[in-house]
N, C-alpha and C. Protein backbone atom coordinates (compact mmCIF):
# COMPACT_ATOMS: atom_id res chain seq x y z
N UNK A 1 133.20 71.75 140.55
CA UNK A 1 134.10 72.56 139.77
C UNK A 1 134.94 71.68 138.84
N UNK A 2 135.44 70.57 139.35
CA UNK A 2 136.23 69.66 138.53
C UNK A 2 135.41 69.10 137.38
N UNK A 3 134.14 68.80 137.68
CA UNK A 3 133.26 68.25 136.65
C UNK A 3 133.09 69.24 135.50
N UNK A 4 132.91 70.51 135.79
CA UNK A 4 132.76 71.56 134.79
C UNK A 4 134.04 71.70 133.96
N UNK A 5 135.17 71.65 134.62
CA UNK A 5 136.45 71.77 133.91
C UNK A 5 136.64 70.59 132.97
N UNK A 6 136.25 69.41 133.38
CA UNK A 6 136.38 68.22 132.53
C UNK A 6 135.48 68.34 131.30
N UNK A 7 134.27 68.86 131.51
CA UNK A 7 133.34 69.04 130.38
C UNK A 7 133.91 70.06 129.39
N UNK A 8 134.46 71.15 129.92
CA UNK A 8 135.03 72.18 129.05
C UNK A 8 136.26 71.63 128.31
N UNK A 9 137.04 70.83 128.99
CA UNK A 9 138.22 70.23 128.37
C UNK A 9 137.81 69.33 127.20
N UNK A 10 136.74 68.59 127.39
CA UNK A 10 136.23 67.71 126.32
C UNK A 10 135.75 68.54 125.12
N UNK A 11 135.04 69.63 125.41
CA UNK A 11 134.58 70.52 124.33
C UNK A 11 135.76 71.07 123.54
N UNK A 12 136.79 71.49 124.25
CA UNK A 12 137.99 72.04 123.60
C UNK A 12 138.66 70.97 122.75
N UNK A 13 138.73 69.75 123.25
CA UNK A 13 139.34 68.66 122.50
C UNK A 13 138.60 68.39 121.20
N UNK A 14 137.27 68.40 121.25
CA UNK A 14 136.46 68.18 120.05
C UNK A 14 136.70 69.30 119.04
N UNK A 15 136.72 70.52 119.52
CA UNK A 15 136.97 71.68 118.64
C UNK A 15 138.36 71.57 118.03
N UNK A 16 139.33 71.20 118.83
CA UNK A 16 140.71 71.07 118.35
C UNK A 16 140.81 70.01 117.26
N UNK A 17 140.12 68.89 117.41
CA UNK A 17 140.12 67.85 116.39
C UNK A 17 139.49 68.36 115.09
N UNK A 18 138.40 69.09 115.24
CA UNK A 18 137.71 69.65 114.07
C UNK A 18 138.62 70.64 113.33
N UNK A 19 139.30 71.48 114.07
CA UNK A 19 140.20 72.46 113.47
C UNK A 19 141.36 71.76 112.77
N UNK A 20 141.87 70.70 113.37
CA UNK A 20 142.98 69.95 112.77
C UNK A 20 142.55 69.34 111.44
N UNK A 21 141.36 68.79 111.38
CA UNK A 21 140.85 68.21 110.14
C UNK A 21 140.69 69.30 109.08
N UNK A 22 140.09 70.41 109.46
CA UNK A 22 139.90 71.51 108.50
C UNK A 22 141.24 72.07 108.03
N UNK A 23 142.20 72.17 108.92
CA UNK A 23 143.53 72.66 108.55
C UNK A 23 144.16 71.73 107.50
N UNK A 24 144.04 70.44 107.71
CA UNK A 24 144.61 69.47 106.76
C UNK A 24 143.95 69.62 105.39
N UNK A 25 142.63 69.77 105.37
CA UNK A 25 141.91 69.93 104.11
C UNK A 25 142.34 71.22 103.39
N UNK A 26 142.49 72.29 104.16
CA UNK A 26 142.92 73.56 103.57
C UNK A 26 144.33 73.47 103.02
N UNK A 27 145.21 72.79 103.72
CA UNK A 27 146.58 72.62 103.25
C UNK A 27 146.62 71.80 101.96
N UNK A 28 145.75 70.78 101.86
CA UNK A 28 145.67 69.98 100.64
C UNK A 28 145.16 70.83 99.47
N UNK A 29 144.13 71.65 99.72
CA UNK A 29 143.60 72.53 98.68
C UNK A 29 144.66 73.53 98.22
N UNK A 30 145.40 74.07 99.17
CA UNK A 30 146.45 75.02 98.85
C UNK A 30 147.54 74.36 98.01
N UNK A 31 147.92 73.15 98.37
CA UNK A 31 148.94 72.43 97.61
C UNK A 31 148.50 72.19 96.17
N UNK A 32 147.20 71.99 95.96
CA UNK A 32 146.68 71.81 94.60
C UNK A 32 146.63 73.13 93.84
N UNK A 33 146.38 74.23 94.55
CA UNK A 33 146.22 75.53 93.90
C UNK A 33 147.54 76.21 93.56
N UNK A 34 148.58 75.94 94.31
CA UNK A 34 149.86 76.62 94.10
C UNK A 34 150.42 76.40 92.69
N UNK A 35 150.40 75.19 92.13
CA UNK A 35 150.92 75.03 90.76
C UNK A 35 150.13 75.87 89.73
N UNK A 36 148.83 75.96 89.91
CA UNK A 36 148.02 76.78 88.98
C UNK A 36 148.38 78.25 89.12
N UNK A 37 148.59 78.71 90.34
CA UNK A 37 148.98 80.10 90.56
C UNK A 37 150.33 80.39 89.93
N UNK A 38 151.29 79.48 90.12
CA UNK A 38 152.61 79.68 89.54
C UNK A 38 152.56 79.68 88.01
N UNK A 39 151.73 78.81 87.43
CA UNK A 39 151.58 78.78 85.97
C UNK A 39 150.96 80.09 85.47
N UNK A 40 149.99 80.61 86.20
CA UNK A 40 149.36 81.88 85.80
C UNK A 40 150.35 83.02 85.89
N UNK A 41 151.17 83.04 86.93
CA UNK A 41 152.18 84.08 87.06
C UNK A 41 153.21 83.99 85.93
N UNK A 42 153.60 82.79 85.58
CA UNK A 42 154.55 82.60 84.47
C UNK A 42 153.95 83.07 83.16
N UNK A 43 152.65 82.80 82.96
CA UNK A 43 151.98 83.24 81.73
C UNK A 43 151.92 84.77 81.68
N UNK A 44 151.69 85.41 82.80
CA UNK A 44 151.65 86.88 82.83
C UNK A 44 153.01 87.48 82.49
N UNK A 45 154.06 86.80 82.85
CA UNK A 45 155.40 87.30 82.57
C UNK A 45 155.72 87.31 81.07
N UNK A 46 154.93 86.60 80.28
CA UNK A 46 155.18 86.57 78.84
C UNK A 46 154.47 87.69 78.09
N UNK A 47 153.57 88.41 78.76
CA UNK A 47 152.82 89.48 78.10
C UNK A 47 153.71 90.69 77.84
N UNK A 48 153.46 91.35 76.69
CA UNK A 48 154.15 92.59 76.40
C UNK A 48 153.16 93.56 75.74
N UNK A 49 153.63 94.72 75.35
CA UNK A 49 152.76 95.76 74.82
C UNK A 49 152.05 95.30 73.55
N UNK A 50 152.74 94.54 72.69
CA UNK A 50 152.10 94.09 71.44
C UNK A 50 150.91 93.18 71.72
N UNK A 51 150.98 92.39 72.80
CA UNK A 51 149.85 91.54 73.17
C UNK A 51 148.64 92.39 73.56
N UNK A 52 148.88 93.45 74.31
CA UNK A 52 147.78 94.32 74.73
C UNK A 52 147.21 95.08 73.53
N UNK A 53 148.06 95.47 72.59
CA UNK A 53 147.58 96.15 71.38
C UNK A 53 146.69 95.21 70.58
N UNK A 54 147.11 93.97 70.43
CA UNK A 54 146.31 92.99 69.71
C UNK A 54 144.98 92.76 70.41
N UNK A 55 145.01 92.67 71.73
CA UNK A 55 143.81 92.45 72.54
C UNK A 55 142.81 93.59 72.33
N UNK A 56 143.31 94.82 72.34
CA UNK A 56 142.43 95.98 72.18
C UNK A 56 141.87 96.07 70.77
N UNK A 57 142.55 95.48 69.78
CA UNK A 57 142.09 95.58 68.40
C UNK A 57 140.96 94.60 68.07
N UNK A 58 140.69 93.68 68.95
CA UNK A 58 139.63 92.70 68.70
C UNK A 58 138.27 93.38 68.68
N UNK A 59 137.49 93.13 67.64
CA UNK A 59 136.15 93.68 67.58
C UNK A 59 135.22 92.96 68.53
N UNK A 60 135.30 91.64 68.49
CA UNK A 60 134.50 90.79 69.37
C UNK A 60 135.47 89.92 70.15
N UNK A 61 135.35 89.90 71.46
CA UNK A 61 136.31 89.13 72.24
C UNK A 61 136.04 87.63 72.16
N UNK A 62 137.08 86.83 72.32
CA UNK A 62 136.85 85.39 72.42
C UNK A 62 136.07 85.08 73.69
N UNK A 63 135.44 83.91 73.76
CA UNK A 63 134.64 83.57 74.95
C UNK A 63 135.46 83.71 76.23
N UNK A 64 134.90 84.42 77.19
CA UNK A 64 135.53 84.60 78.48
C UNK A 64 136.42 85.82 78.58
N UNK A 65 136.90 86.34 77.45
CA UNK A 65 137.81 87.50 77.49
C UNK A 65 137.09 88.73 78.02
N UNK A 66 135.82 88.87 77.70
CA UNK A 66 135.08 90.03 78.20
C UNK A 66 134.92 89.96 79.73
N UNK A 67 134.78 88.75 80.26
CA UNK A 67 134.70 88.60 81.72
C UNK A 67 136.03 88.97 82.38
N UNK A 68 137.12 88.56 81.74
CA UNK A 68 138.44 88.90 82.28
C UNK A 68 138.64 90.42 82.26
N UNK A 69 138.24 91.04 81.14
CA UNK A 69 138.39 92.49 81.01
C UNK A 69 137.56 93.21 82.08
N UNK A 70 136.36 92.72 82.34
CA UNK A 70 135.51 93.33 83.38
C UNK A 70 136.16 93.18 84.75
N UNK A 71 136.76 92.03 85.01
CA UNK A 71 137.44 91.82 86.29
C UNK A 71 138.62 92.77 86.45
N UNK A 72 139.36 92.98 85.37
CA UNK A 72 140.50 93.89 85.42
C UNK A 72 140.01 95.31 85.69
N UNK A 73 138.88 95.68 85.09
CA UNK A 73 138.32 97.01 85.35
C UNK A 73 138.00 97.18 86.84
N UNK A 74 137.49 96.14 87.46
CA UNK A 74 137.16 96.21 88.89
C UNK A 74 138.44 96.30 89.72
N UNK A 75 139.43 95.47 89.38
CA UNK A 75 140.69 95.47 90.15
C UNK A 75 141.41 96.80 90.09
N UNK A 76 141.37 97.46 88.94
CA UNK A 76 142.12 98.69 88.77
C UNK A 76 141.24 99.94 88.83
N UNK A 77 140.07 99.80 89.41
CA UNK A 77 139.17 100.94 89.54
C UNK A 77 139.85 102.04 90.36
N UNK A 78 139.85 103.27 89.84
CA UNK A 78 140.51 104.35 90.57
C UNK A 78 139.81 104.65 91.89
N UNK A 79 140.60 104.75 92.93
CA UNK A 79 140.11 105.06 94.28
C UNK A 79 139.06 104.07 94.76
N UNK A 80 139.11 102.83 94.25
CA UNK A 80 138.17 101.80 94.67
C UNK A 80 136.75 102.03 94.20
N UNK A 81 136.56 102.95 93.23
CA UNK A 81 135.23 103.25 92.72
C UNK A 81 134.90 102.23 91.63
N UNK A 82 134.25 101.15 92.02
CA UNK A 82 133.97 100.04 91.12
C UNK A 82 132.91 100.45 90.09
N UNK A 83 133.20 100.20 88.79
CA UNK A 83 132.22 100.56 87.76
C UNK A 83 130.94 99.74 87.89
N UNK A 84 129.84 100.36 87.53
CA UNK A 84 128.55 99.65 87.56
C UNK A 84 128.62 98.48 86.60
N UNK A 85 127.77 97.51 86.82
CA UNK A 85 127.76 96.29 86.01
C UNK A 85 127.56 96.61 84.53
N UNK A 86 126.66 97.52 84.23
CA UNK A 86 126.38 97.85 82.83
C UNK A 86 127.53 98.63 82.18
N UNK A 87 128.44 99.16 82.99
CA UNK A 87 129.60 99.88 82.45
C UNK A 87 130.80 98.97 82.21
N UNK A 88 130.70 97.72 82.61
CA UNK A 88 131.80 96.78 82.44
C UNK A 88 131.67 96.04 81.11
N UNK A 89 131.61 96.79 80.04
CA UNK A 89 131.44 96.21 78.71
C UNK A 89 132.80 96.03 78.04
N UNK A 90 132.80 95.27 76.94
CA UNK A 90 134.02 95.09 76.17
C UNK A 90 134.54 96.42 75.66
N UNK A 91 133.63 97.24 75.15
CA UNK A 91 134.03 98.55 74.60
C UNK A 91 134.66 99.41 75.69
N UNK A 92 134.05 99.48 76.85
CA UNK A 92 134.61 100.29 77.95
C UNK A 92 135.92 99.74 78.47
N UNK A 93 136.07 98.42 78.45
CA UNK A 93 137.30 97.83 78.97
C UNK A 93 138.48 98.15 78.05
N UNK A 94 138.24 98.32 76.76
CA UNK A 94 139.32 98.64 75.83
C UNK A 94 139.80 100.07 76.02
N UNK A 95 138.93 100.93 76.53
CA UNK A 95 139.31 102.32 76.77
C UNK A 95 140.23 102.35 77.96
């Protein structure tokens, strides 16, 4: 019985070390991501209605803007009803 408990204790110790290493890596990644998140939040605080009007008036979006618009369509889908991929167009996003 003691032998089994010692084996289990060793297994737990190995798992605990692994979790500690992963936790440290995750904390480092989080520390790197927080400044980017704060910068993005600050940038959002500068938007106003005239910015959205200008955005909607664009005939052709700048590179990447159509992807952002499609993501916004997914985030704000009514009742969680996500639009089909072919419906996530620039034209539909402006509506």
